[in-house]
């Protein structure tokens, strides 16, 4: 697993009456040596886009089925063992755009 991988993670929603976990897509932003991964949530609700969010289109390499939005301001650090599977990965162009958006989000560099 690497930065830029699109993975599935279990998530529970309070609005779900059964309280069962649902597998949702997330983008790996970073990994540490202690078994944790920092991920950003991915949604198909593209109308919720903020300035720093990244739009992804379905492609063979990323495993997405619909146009999606990486919510870079919705991050979570989880144990790698909680990751249920890998859907795909970002292209080089998308990785470059991701890095620009992260710099923008954290107000780093000369933007």
C-alpha atoms as a PDB file:
ATOM      1  CA  UNK A   1       0.000   0.000   0.000  1.00  0.00           C
ATOM      2  CA  UNK A   2       1.280   3.459  -0.982  1.00  0.00           C
ATOM      3  CA  UNK A   3       0.311   7.118  -1.008  1.00  0.00           C
ATOM      4  CA  UNK A   4      -2.232   7.546  -3.801  1.00  0.00           C
ATOM      5  CA  UNK A   5      -3.854   4.135  -3.403  1.00  0.00           C
ATOM      6  CA  UNK A   6      -7.643   4.059  -3.286  1.00  0.00           C
ATOM      7  CA  UNK A   7      -8.726   1.614  -0.601  1.00  0.00           C
ATOM      8  CA  UNK A   8     -11.865   0.423   1.162  1.00  0.00           C
ATOM      9  CA  UNK A   9     -12.274   1.111   4.869  1.00  0.00           C
ATOM     10  CA  UNK A  10     -15.112   0.154   7.252  1.00  0.00           C
ATOM     11  CA  UNK A  11     -17.216   3.019   8.551  1.00  0.00           C
ATOM     12  CA  UNK A  12     -20.355   3.155  10.650  1.00  0.00           C
ATOM     13  CA  UNK A  13     -23.009   5.797  10.154  1.00  0.00           C
ATOM     14  CA  UNK A  14     -25.266   6.943  12.979  1.00  0.00           C
ATOM     15  CA  UNK A  15     -28.032   7.439  10.418  1.00  0.00           C
ATOM     16  CA  UNK A  16     -28.037   3.742   9.489  1.00  0.00           C
ATOM     17  CA  UNK A  17     -30.684   1.959  11.550  1.00  0.00           C
ATOM     18  CA  UNK A  18     -28.760  -1.334  11.545  1.00  0.00           C
ATOM     19  CA  UNK A  19     -25.510   0.346  12.744  1.00  0.00           C
ATOM     20  CA  UNK A  20     -23.576  -2.114  10.560  1.00  0.00           C
ATOM     21  CA  UNK A  21     -20.248  -1.102   9.123  1.00  0.00           C
ATOM     22  CA  UNK A  22     -20.204  -0.073   5.497  1.00  0.00           C
ATOM     23  CA  UNK A  23     -17.106  -0.279   3.296  1.00  0.00           C
ATOM     24  CA  UNK A  24     -16.343   3.143   1.838  1.00  0.00           C
ATOM     25  CA  UNK A  25     -13.554   4.321  -0.465  1.00  0.00           C
ATOM     26  CA  UNK A  26     -10.696   6.404   0.876  1.00  0.00           C
ATOM     27  CA  UNK A  27      -7.431   7.745  -0.511  1.00  0.00           C
ATOM     28  CA  UNK A  28      -4.163   6.886   1.243  1.00  0.00           C
ATOM     29  CA  UNK A  29      -2.292  10.118   2.027  1.00  0.00           C
ATOM     30  CA  UNK A  30       0.506   8.699   4.102  1.00  0.00           C
ATOM     31  CA  UNK A  31       1.829   5.689   5.993  1.00  0.00           C
ATOM     32  CA  UNK A  32       3.982   5.381   9.064  1.00  0.00           C
ATOM     33  CA  UNK A  33       6.320   2.689  10.352  1.00  0.00           C
ATOM     34  CA  UNK A  34       3.985   1.803  13.205  1.00  0.00           C
ATOM     35  CA  UNK A  35       1.185   0.308  11.110  1.00  0.00           C
ATOM     36  CA  UNK A  36      -1.034   3.356  10.608  1.00  0.00           C
ATOM     37  CA  UNK A  37      -2.346   4.994   7.456  1.00  0.00           C
ATOM     38  CA  UNK A  38      -3.750   8.482   7.060  1.00  0.00           C
ATOM     39  CA  UNK A  39      -6.613   8.525   4.578  1.00  0.00           C
ATOM     40  CA  UNK A  40      -9.051  11.052   3.103  1.00  0.00           C
ATOM     41  CA  UNK A  41     -12.661  10.112   2.511  1.00  0.00           C
ATOM     42  CA  UNK A  42     -14.027   9.770  -1.025  1.00  0.00           C
ATOM     43  CA  UNK A  43     -17.646  10.598  -1.864  1.00  0.00           C
ATOM     44  CA  UNK A  44     -19.771  10.636  -5.002  1.00  0.00           C
ATOM     45  CA  UNK A  45     -21.492  13.804  -3.755  1.00  0.00           C
ATOM     46  CA  UNK A  46     -19.372  16.074  -5.953  1.00  0.00           C
ATOM     47  CA  UNK A  47     -21.651  19.038  -5.278  1.00  0.00           C
ATOM     48  CA  UNK A  48     -19.985  19.222  -1.823  1.00  0.00           C
ATOM     49  CA  UNK A  49     -16.640  20.248  -3.352  1.00  0.00           C
ATOM     50  CA  UNK A  50     -14.409  22.621  -1.396  1.00  0.00           C
ATOM     51  CA  UNK A  51     -11.479  24.492  -2.963  1.00  0.00           C
ATOM     52  CA  UNK A  52      -8.894  21.960  -1.804  1.00  0.00           C
ATOM     53  CA  UNK A  53     -10.874  18.831  -2.800  1.00  0.00           C
ATOM     54  CA  UNK A  54      -9.850  16.647  -5.733  1.00  0.00           C
ATOM     55  CA  UNK A  55     -12.278  15.403  -8.406  1.00  0.00           C
ATOM     56  CA  UNK A  56     -11.598  11.883  -9.708  1.00  0.00           C
ATOM     57  CA  UNK A  57     -13.163  10.351 -12.789  1.00  0.00           C
ATOM     58  CA  UNK A  58     -13.681   6.587 -13.119  1.00  0.00           C
ATOM     59  CA  UNK A  59     -10.788   4.897 -14.911  1.00  0.00           C
ATOM     60  CA  UNK A  60      -9.534   1.382 -15.228  1.00  0.00           C
ATOM     61  CA  UNK A  61      -6.608   2.077 -12.905  1.00  0.00           C
ATOM     62  CA  UNK A  62      -8.446   3.684 -10.001  1.00  0.00           C
ATOM     63  CA  UNK A  63     -11.326   1.242  -9.512  1.00  0.00           C
ATOM     64  CA  UNK A  64     -13.975   3.945  -9.126  1.00  0.00           C
ATOM     65  CA  UNK A  65     -17.360   3.446 -10.760  1.00  0.00           C
ATOM     66  CA  UNK A  66     -18.608   7.049 -10.598  1.00  0.00           C
ATOM     67  CA  UNK A  67     -17.201  10.553 -10.635  1.00  0.00           C
ATOM     68  CA  UNK A  68     -15.981  11.115  -7.092  1.00  0.00           C
ATOM     69  CA  UNK A  69     -14.591  13.731  -4.774  1.00  0.00           C
ATOM     70  CA  UNK A  70     -11.640  13.293  -2.429  1.00  0.00           C
ATOM     71  CA  UNK A  71     -12.514  15.308   0.678  1.00  0.00           C
ATOM     72  CA  UNK A  72      -9.017  16.355   1.710  1.00  0.00           C
ATOM     73  CA  UNK A  73     -10.350  18.193   4.760  1.00  0.00           C
ATOM     74  CA  UNK A  74     -11.896  14.903   6.008  1.00  0.00           C
ATOM     75  CA  UNK A  75      -8.874  12.882   7.089  1.00  0.00           C
ATOM     76  CA  UNK A  76      -8.561   9.951   9.436  1.00  0.00           C
ATOM     77  CA  UNK A  77      -5.612   7.946  10.729  1.00  0.00           C
ATOM     78  CA  UNK A  78      -6.384   4.250  11.058  1.00  0.00           C
ATOM     79  CA  UNK A  79      -4.519   1.019  11.601  1.00  0.00           C
ATOM     80  CA  UNK A  80      -3.523  -0.525   8.262  1.00  0.00           C
ATOM     81  CA  UNK A  81      -5.211  -3.754   9.393  1.00  0.00           C
ATOM     82  CA  UNK A  82      -8.596  -2.013   9.090  1.00  0.00           C
ATOM     83  CA  UNK A  83      -8.122  -1.514   5.361  1.00  0.00           C
ATOM     84  CA  UNK A  84     -10.364  -4.079   3.684  1.00  0.00           C
ATOM     85  CA  UNK A  85      -8.899  -3.926   0.188  1.00  0.00           C
ATOM     86  CA  UNK A  86      -7.374  -1.863  -2.588  1.00  0.00           C
ATOM     87  CA  UNK A  87      -9.455  -0.568  -5.500  1.00  0.00           C
ATOM     88  CA  UNK A  88      -6.704   1.095  -7.497  1.00  0.00           C
ATOM     89  CA  UNK A  89      -4.343   4.051  -7.534  1.00  0.00           C
ATOM     90  CA  UNK A  90      -4.095   7.609  -8.801  1.00  0.00           C
ATOM     91  CA  UNK A  91      -2.402   8.457 -12.070  1.00  0.00           C
ATOM     92  CA  UNK A  92       0.779  10.553 -12.083  1.00  0.00           C
ATOM     93  CA  UNK A  93      -1.242  13.613 -13.103  1.00  0.00           C
ATOM     94  CA  UNK A  94      -3.720  13.034 -10.265  1.00  0.00           C
ATOM     95  CA  UNK A  95      -0.865  12.548  -7.769  1.00  0.00           C
ATOM     96  CA  UNK A  96       0.635  15.876  -8.845  1.00  0.00           C
ATOM     97  CA  UNK A  97      -2.759  17.558  -8.430  1.00  0.00           C
ATOM     98  CA  UNK A  98      -3.179  15.883  -5.014  1.00  0.00           C
ATOM     99  CA  UNK A  99       0.150  17.307  -3.844  1.00  0.00           C
ATOM    100  CA  UNK A 100      -0.836  20.810  -5.017  1.00  0.00           C
ATOM    101  CA  UNK A 101      -4.174  20.523  -3.174  1.00  0.00           C
ATOM    102  CA  UNK A 102      -2.480  19.347   0.035  1.00  0.00           C
ATOM    103  CA  UNK A 103      -0.073  22.296  -0.101  1.00  0.00           C
ATOM    104  CA  UNK A 104      -3.083  24.573  -0.599  1.00  0.00           C
ATOM    105  CA  UNK A 105      -5.035  22.970   2.266  1.00  0.00           C
ATOM    106  CA  UNK A 106      -2.211  23.312   4.771  1.00  0.00           C
ATOM    107  CA  UNK A 107      -1.089  26.704   3.408  1.00  0.00           C
ATOM    108  CA  UNK A 108       2.423  25.448   2.660  1.00  0.00           C
ATOM    109  CA  UNK A 109       4.781  26.830   0.057  1.00  0.00           C
ATOM    110  CA  UNK A 110       4.469  29.955  -2.062  1.00  0.00           C
ATOM    111  CA  UNK A 111       0.909  29.510  -3.244  1.00  0.00           C
END
